[in-house]
Amino acid sequence: ARALICRPAVLLADEPTGDLDDENTHIVLRLLREVADRGTAVLLVTHETEATAYADSLYRMDGGVLSQEK
């Protein structure tokens, strides 16, 4: 929340839903989607497969190789 106060051009989110239950995970992902819709570039790193529904682009890191999924 503190990172959003100044309306940054880019937001880096590393596992923002790591220890959350399903309901709160979806709340956070919806909020990040809203931030992106207002013009902030959001780079989200996560293991949450549900996050793909909120993404414009999806990249996967596997064995040190980055590839575009979507």
PDB file of N, CA and C in Angstrom:
ATOM      1  N   ALA A   1       0.829  -1.194   0.000  1.00  0.00           N
ATOM      2  CA  ALA A   1       0.000   0.000   0.000  1.00  0.00           C
ATOM      3  C   ALA A   1       0.869   1.251   0.000  1.00  0.00           C
ATOM      4  N   ARG A   2       1.952   1.227   0.760  1.00  0.00           N
ATOM      5  CA  ARG A   2       2.818   2.403   0.838  1.00  0.00           C
ATOM      6  C   ARG A   2       3.434   2.732  -0.523  1.00  0.00           C
ATOM      7  N   ALA A   3       3.740   1.705  -1.318  1.00  0.00           N
ATOM      8  CA  ALA A   3       4.353   1.920  -2.634  1.00  0.00           C
ATOM      9  C   ALA A   3       3.396   2.607  -3.595  1.00  0.00           C
ATOM     10  N   LEU A   4       2.106   2.524  -3.353  1.00  0.00           N
ATOM     11  CA  LEU A   4       1.123   3.091  -4.277  1.00  0.00           C
ATOM     12  C   LEU A   4       0.789   4.548  -3.993  1.00  0.00           C
ATOM     13  N   ILE A   5       1.155   5.061  -2.854  1.00  0.00           N
ATOM     14  CA  ILE A   5       0.781   6.417  -2.452  1.00  0.00           C
ATOM     15  C   ILE A   5       1.256   7.454  -3.458  1.00  0.00           C
ATOM     16  N   CYS A   6       2.471   7.311  -3.961  1.00  0.00           N
ATOM     17  CA  CYS A   6       3.041   8.301  -4.887  1.00  0.00           C
ATOM     18  C   CYS A   6       2.697   8.018  -6.344  1.00  0.00           C
ATOM     19  N   ARG A   7       1.813   7.051  -6.600  1.00  0.00           N
ATOM     20  CA  ARG A   7       1.406   6.687  -7.957  1.00  0.00           C
ATOM     21  C   ARG A   7       2.617   6.454  -8.865  1.00  0.00           C
ATOM     22  N   PRO A   8       3.366   5.410  -8.607  1.00  0.00           N
ATOM     23  CA  PRO A   8       4.589   5.156  -9.373  1.00  0.00           C
ATOM     24  C   PRO A   8       4.274   4.751 -10.815  1.00  0.00           C
ATOM     25  N   ALA A   9       5.241   4.952 -11.694  1.00  0.00           N
ATOM     26  CA  ALA A   9       5.095   4.524 -13.092  1.00  0.00           C
ATOM     27  C   ALA A   9       5.237   3.008 -13.197  1.00  0.00           C
ATOM     28  N   VAL A  10       6.056   2.437 -12.312  1.00  0.00           N
ATOM     29  CA  VAL A  10       6.300   0.991 -12.305  1.00  0.00           C
ATOM     30  C   VAL A  10       6.172   0.484 -10.871  1.00  0.00           C
ATOM     31  N   LEU A  11       5.497  -0.650 -10.710  1.00  0.00           N
ATOM     32  CA  LEU A  11       5.361  -1.288  -9.403  1.00  0.00           C
ATOM     33  C   LEU A  11       5.907  -2.711  -9.504  1.00  0.00           C
ATOM     34  N   LEU A  12       6.892  -3.028  -8.677  1.00  0.00           N
ATOM     35  CA  LEU A  12       7.464  -4.368  -8.628  1.00  0.00           C
ATOM     36  C   LEU A  12       6.858  -5.091  -7.436  1.00  0.00           C
ATOM     37  N   ALA A  13       6.199  -6.220  -7.688  1.00  0.00           N
ATOM     38  CA  ALA A  13       5.532  -6.969  -6.621  1.00  0.00           C
ATOM     39  C   ALA A  13       6.078  -8.396  -6.595  1.00  0.00           C
ATOM     40  N   ASP A  14       6.872  -8.703  -5.582  1.00  0.00           N
ATOM     41  CA  ASP A  14       7.485 -10.022  -5.447  1.00  0.00           C
ATOM     42  C   ASP A  14       6.685 -10.840  -4.445  1.00  0.00           C
ATOM     43  N   GLU A  15       5.933 -11.824  -4.926  1.00  0.00           N
ATOM     44  CA  GLU A  15       5.110 -12.703  -4.100  1.00  0.00           C
ATOM     45  C   GLU A  15       4.196 -11.926  -3.139  1.00  0.00           C
ATOM     46  N   PRO A  16       3.404 -10.978  -3.651  1.00  0.00           N
ATOM     47  CA  PRO A  16       2.557 -10.176  -2.756  1.00  0.00           C
ATOM     48  C   PRO A  16       1.435 -10.976  -2.100  1.00  0.00           C
ATOM     49  N   THR A  17       1.160 -12.172  -2.586  1.00  0.00           N
ATOM     50  CA  THR A  17       0.079 -12.983  -2.022  1.00  0.00           C
ATOM     51  C   THR A  17       0.608 -14.256  -1.372  1.00  0.00           C
ATOM     52  N   GLY A  18       1.885 -14.290  -1.071  1.00  0.00           N
ATOM     53  CA  GLY A  18       2.548 -15.493  -0.597  1.00  0.00           C
ATOM     54  C   GLY A  18       1.897 -16.218   0.565  1.00  0.00           C
ATOM     55  N   ASP A  19       1.448 -15.510   1.584  1.00  0.00           N
ATOM     56  CA  ASP A  19       0.886 -16.158   2.773  1.00  0.00           C
ATOM     57  C   ASP A  19      -0.590 -15.828   2.966  1.00  0.00           C
ATOM     58  N   LEU A  20      -1.283 -15.512   1.890  1.00  0.00           N
ATOM     59  CA  LEU A  20      -2.688 -15.126   1.999  1.00  0.00           C
ATOM     60  C   LEU A  20      -3.616 -16.285   1.664  1.00  0.00           C
ATOM     61  N   ASP A  21      -4.815 -16.234   2.224  1.00  0.00           N
ATOM     62  CA  ASP A  21      -5.836 -17.212   1.863  1.00  0.00           C
ATOM     63  C   ASP A  21      -6.401 -16.854   0.489  1.00  0.00           C
ATOM     64  N   ASP A  22      -7.248 -17.711  -0.070  1.00  0.00           N
ATOM     65  CA  ASP A  22      -7.763 -17.509  -1.428  1.00  0.00           C
ATOM     66  C   ASP A  22      -8.511 -16.198  -1.591  1.00  0.00           C
ATOM     67  N   GLU A  23      -9.358 -15.861  -0.623  1.00  0.00           N
ATOM     68  CA  GLU A  23     -10.143 -14.624  -0.725  1.00  0.00           C
ATOM     69  C   GLU A  23      -9.249 -13.398  -0.783  1.00  0.00           C
ATOM     70  N   ASN A  24      -8.281 -13.313   0.111  1.00  0.00           N
ATOM     71  CA  ASN A  24      -7.388 -12.155   0.142  1.00  0.00           C
ATOM     72  C   ASN A  24      -6.429 -12.145  -1.041  1.00  0.00           C
ATOM     73  N   THR A  25      -6.065 -13.313  -1.538  1.00  0.00           N
ATOM     74  CA  THR A  25      -5.248 -13.382  -2.747  1.00  0.00           C
ATOM     75  C   THR A  25      -5.972 -12.712  -3.907  1.00  0.00           C
ATOM     76  N   HIS A  26      -7.248 -13.027  -4.069  1.00  0.00           N
ATOM     77  CA  HIS A  26      -8.016 -12.423  -5.169  1.00  0.00           C
ATOM     78  C   HIS A  26      -8.220 -10.926  -4.962  1.00  0.00           C
ATOM     79  N   ILE A  27      -8.364 -10.494  -3.731  1.00  0.00           N
ATOM     80  CA  ILE A  27      -8.486  -9.057  -3.454  1.00  0.00           C
ATOM     81  C   ILE A  27      -7.217  -8.333  -3.883  1.00  0.00           C
ATOM     82  N   VAL A  28      -6.065  -8.857  -3.503  1.00  0.00           N
ATOM     83  CA  VAL A  28      -4.788  -8.223  -3.861  1.00  0.00           C
ATOM     84  C   VAL A  28      -4.598  -8.228  -5.376  1.00  0.00           C
ATOM     85  N   LEU A  29      -4.886  -9.335  -6.026  1.00  0.00           N
ATOM     86  CA  LEU A  29      -4.720  -9.406  -7.482  1.00  0.00           C
ATOM     87  C   LEU A  29      -5.661  -8.438  -8.190  1.00  0.00           C
ATOM     88  N   ARG A  30      -6.888  -8.299  -7.699  1.00  0.00           N
ATOM     89  CA  ARG A  30      -7.820  -7.322  -8.293  1.00  0.00           C
ATOM     90  C   ARG A  30      -7.310  -5.900  -8.109  1.00  0.00           C
ATOM     91  N   LEU A  31      -6.774  -5.601  -6.937  1.00  0.00           N
ATOM     92  CA  LEU A  31      -6.232  -4.266  -6.688  1.00  0.00           C
ATOM     93  C   LEU A  31      -5.043  -3.966  -7.595  1.00  0.00           C
ATOM     94  N   LEU A  32      -4.166  -4.945  -7.783  1.00  0.00           N
ATOM     95  CA  LEU A  32      -3.029  -4.744  -8.686  1.00  0.00           C
ATOM     96  C   LEU A  32      -3.508  -4.557 -10.122  1.00  0.00           C
ATOM     97  N   ARG A  33      -4.556  -5.270 -10.516  1.00  0.00           N
ATOM     98  CA  ARG A  33      -5.129  -5.109 -11.858  1.00  0.00           C
ATOM     99  C   ARG A  33      -5.682  -3.699 -12.028  1.00  0.00           C
ATOM    100  N   GLU A  34      -6.353  -3.171 -11.005  1.00  0.00           N
ATOM    101  CA  GLU A  34      -6.883  -1.812 -11.049  1.00  0.00           C
ATOM    102  C   GLU A  34      -5.758  -0.789 -11.182  1.00  0.00           C
ATOM    103  N   VAL A  35      -4.670  -1.005 -10.453  1.00  0.00           N
ATOM    104  CA  VAL A  35      -3.507  -0.118 -10.544  1.00  0.00           C
ATOM    105  C   VAL A  35      -2.966  -0.134 -11.974  1.00  0.00           C
ATOM    106  N   ALA A  36      -2.861  -1.310 -12.558  1.00  0.00           N
ATOM    107  CA  ALA A  36      -2.374  -1.422 -13.939  1.00  0.00           C
ATOM    108  C   ALA A  36      -3.330  -0.742 -14.911  1.00  0.00           C
ATOM    109  N   ASP A  37      -4.620  -0.878 -14.689  1.00  0.00           N
ATOM    110  CA  ASP A  37      -5.602  -0.242 -15.567  1.00  0.00           C
ATOM    111  C   ASP A  37      -5.535   1.279 -15.512  1.00  0.00           C
ATOM    112  N   ARG A  38      -5.016   1.816 -14.414  1.00  0.00           N
ATOM    113  CA  ARG A  38      -4.860   3.274 -14.283  1.00  0.00           C
ATOM    114  C   ARG A  38      -3.529   3.760 -14.851  1.00  0.00           C
ATOM    115  N   GLY A  39      -2.716   2.850 -15.415  1.00  0.00           N
ATOM    116  CA  GLY A  39      -1.508   3.283 -16.106  1.00  0.00           C
ATOM    117  C   GLY A  39      -0.190   2.888 -15.489  1.00  0.00           C
ATOM    118  N   THR A  40      -0.199   2.286 -14.327  1.00  0.00           N
ATOM    119  CA  THR A  40       1.043   1.833 -13.704  1.00  0.00           C
ATOM    120  C   THR A  40       1.437   0.486 -14.298  1.00  0.00           C
ATOM    121  N   ALA A  41       2.700   0.350 -14.672  1.00  0.00           N
ATOM    122  CA  ALA A  41       3.205  -0.943 -15.132  1.00  0.00           C
ATOM    123  C   ALA A  41       3.456  -1.801 -13.893  1.00  0.00           C
ATOM    124  N   VAL A  42       2.804  -2.949 -13.815  1.00  0.00           N
ATOM    125  CA  VAL A  42       2.937  -3.832 -12.662  1.00  0.00           C
ATOM    126  C   VAL A  42       3.693  -5.084 -13.093  1.00  0.00           C
ATOM    127  N   LEU A  43       4.821  -5.325 -12.453  1.00  0.00           N
ATOM    128  CA  LEU A  43       5.589  -6.551 -12.677  1.00  0.00           C
ATOM    129  C   LEU A  43       5.392  -7.412 -11.438  1.00  0.00           C
ATOM    130  N   LEU A  44       4.686  -8.510 -11.616  1.00  0.00           N
ATOM    131  CA  LEU A  44       4.325  -9.395 -10.512  1.00  0.00           C
ATOM    132  C   LEU A  44       5.072 -10.710 -10.654  1.00  0.00           C
ATOM    133  N   VAL A  45       5.778 -11.089  -9.604  1.00  0.00           N
ATOM    134  CA  VAL A  45       6.457 -12.384  -9.561  1.00  0.00           C
ATOM    135  C   VAL A  45       5.707 -13.238  -8.547  1.00  0.00           C
ATOM    136  N   THR A  46       5.196 -14.401  -8.994  1.00  0.00           N
ATOM    137  CA  THR A  46       4.386 -15.214  -8.105  1.00  0.00           C
ATOM    138  C   THR A  46       4.355 -16.672  -8.542  1.00  0.00           C
ATOM    139  N   HIS A  47       3.996 -17.515  -7.596  1.00  0.00           N
ATOM    140  CA  HIS A  47       3.738 -18.916  -7.894  1.00  0.00           C
ATOM    141  C   HIS A  47       2.242 -19.178  -7.997  1.00  0.00           C
ATOM    142  N   GLU A  48       1.431 -18.157  -7.765  1.00  0.00           N
ATOM    143  CA  GLU A  48      -0.033 -18.277  -7.789  1.00  0.00           C
ATOM    144  C   GLU A  48      -0.521 -18.406  -9.227  1.00  0.00           C
ATOM    145  N   THR A  49      -1.048 -19.565  -9.579  1.00  0.00           N
ATOM    146  CA  THR A  49      -1.539 -19.756 -10.939  1.00  0.00           C
ATOM    147  C   THR A  49      -2.766 -18.898 -11.219  1.00  0.00           C
ATOM    148  N   GLU A  50      -3.505 -18.501 -10.185  1.00  0.00           N
ATOM    149  CA  GLU A  50      -4.676 -17.655 -10.362  1.00  0.00           C
ATOM    150  C   GLU A  50      -4.322 -16.286 -10.925  1.00  0.00           C
ATOM    151  N   ALA A  51      -3.088 -15.871 -10.749  1.00  0.00           N
ATOM    152  CA  ALA A  51      -2.659 -14.548 -11.204  1.00  0.00           C
ATOM    153  C   ALA A  51      -2.713 -14.413 -12.722  1.00  0.00           C
ATOM    154  N   THR A  52      -2.664 -15.526 -13.442  1.00  0.00           N
ATOM    155  CA  THR A  52      -2.682 -15.449 -14.906  1.00  0.00           C
ATOM    156  C   THR A  52      -3.968 -14.809 -15.423  1.00  0.00           C
ATOM    157  N   ALA A  53      -5.054 -14.947 -14.699  1.00  0.00           N
ATOM    158  CA  ALA A  53      -6.333 -14.361 -15.117  1.00  0.00           C
ATOM    159  C   ALA A  53      -6.312 -12.835 -15.061  1.00  0.00           C
ATOM    160  N   TYR A  54      -5.367 -12.254 -14.353  1.00  0.00           N
ATOM    161  CA  TYR A  54      -5.291 -10.810 -14.176  1.00  0.00           C
ATOM    162  C   TYR A  54      -4.219 -10.167 -15.057  1.00  0.00           C
ATOM    163  N   ALA A  55      -3.467 -10.973 -15.786  1.00  0.00           N
ATOM    164  CA  ALA A  55      -2.281 -10.489 -16.497  1.00  0.00           C
ATOM    165  C   ALA A  55      -2.559 -10.107 -17.945  1.00  0.00           C
ATOM    166  N   ASP A  56      -1.819  -9.118 -18.418  1.00  0.00           N
ATOM    167  CA  ASP A  56      -1.812  -8.775 -19.843  1.00  0.00           C
ATOM    168  C   ASP A  56      -0.796  -9.635 -20.580  1.00  0.00           C
ATOM    169  N   SER A  57       0.328  -9.878 -19.926  1.00  0.00           N
ATOM    170  CA  SER A  57       1.408 -10.699 -20.488  1.00  0.00           C
ATOM    171  C   SER A  57       1.885 -11.649 -19.403  1.00  0.00           C
ATOM    172  N   LEU A  58       2.291 -12.821 -19.841  1.00  0.00           N
ATOM    173  CA  LEU A  58       2.746 -13.835 -18.892  1.00  0.00           C
ATOM    174  C   LEU A  58       4.078 -14.397 -19.367  1.00  0.00           C
ATOM    175  N   TYR A  59       5.039 -14.412 -18.456  1.00  0.00           N
ATOM    176  CA  TYR A  59       6.349 -14.993 -18.728  1.00  0.00           C
ATOM    177  C   TYR A  59       6.612 -16.063 -17.681  1.00  0.00           C
ATOM    178  N   ARG A  60       7.308 -17.095 -18.083  1.00  0.00           N
ATOM    179  CA  ARG A  60       7.634 -18.186 -17.167  1.00  0.00           C
ATOM    180  C   ARG A  60       9.155 -18.360 -17.128  1.00  0.00           C
ATOM    181  N   MET A  61       9.670 -18.526 -15.910  1.00  0.00           N
ATOM    182  CA  MET A  61      11.088 -18.813 -15.724  1.00  0.00           C
ATOM    183  C   MET A  61      11.193 -20.288 -15.376  1.00  0.00           C
ATOM    184  N   ASP A  62      11.908 -21.041 -16.201  1.00  0.00           N
ATOM    185  CA  ASP A  62      12.068 -22.470 -15.970  1.00  0.00           C
ATOM    186  C   ASP A  62      13.510 -22.851 -16.264  1.00  0.00           C
ATOM    187  N   GLY A  63      14.203 -23.306 -15.256  1.00  0.00           N
ATOM    188  CA  GLY A  63      15.594 -23.687 -15.428  1.00  0.00           C
ATOM    189  C   GLY A  63      16.486 -22.536 -15.867  1.00  0.00           C
ATOM    190  N   GLY A  64      16.147 -21.332 -15.432  1.00  0.00           N
ATOM    191  CA  GLY A  64      16.935 -20.155 -15.788  1.00  0.00           C
ATOM    192  C   GLY A  64      16.599 -19.593 -17.154  1.00  0.00           C
ATOM    193  N   VAL A  65      15.614 -20.155 -17.839  1.00  0.00           N
ATOM    194  CA  VAL A  65      15.219 -19.680 -19.171  1.00  0.00           C
ATOM    195  C   VAL A  65      13.884 -18.972 -19.065  1.00  0.00           C
ATOM    196  N   LEU A  66      13.834 -17.730 -19.537  1.00  0.00           N
ATOM    197  CA  LEU A  66      12.608 -16.929 -19.528  1.00  0.00           C
ATOM    198  C   LEU A  66      11.917 -17.067 -20.883  1.00  0.00           C
ATOM    199  N   SER A  67      10.631 -17.418 -20.856  1.00  0.00           N
ATOM    200  CA  SER A  67       9.878 -17.538 -22.096  1.00  0.00           C
ATOM    201  C   SER A  67       8.506 -16.899 -21.924  1.00  0.00           C
ATOM    202  N   GLN A  68       7.994 -16.325 -23.014  1.00  0.00           N
ATOM    203  CA  GLN A  68       6.677 -15.699 -22.977  1.00  0.00           C
ATOM    204  C   GLN A  68       5.599 -16.764 -23.146  1.00  0.00           C
ATOM    205  N   GLU A  69       4.573 -16.695 -22.300  1.00  0.00           N
ATOM    206  CA  GLU A  69       3.490 -17.663 -22.316  1.00  0.00           C
ATOM    207  C   GLU A  69       2.268 -17.145 -23.044  1.00  0.00           C
ATOM    208  N   LYS A  70       1.986 -15.853 -22.939  1.00  0.00           N
ATOM    209  CA  LYS A  70       0.720 -15.298 -23.400  1.00  0.00           C
ATOM    210  C   LYS A  70       0.936 -13.996 -24.108  1.00  0.00           C
TER     211      LYS A  70
END
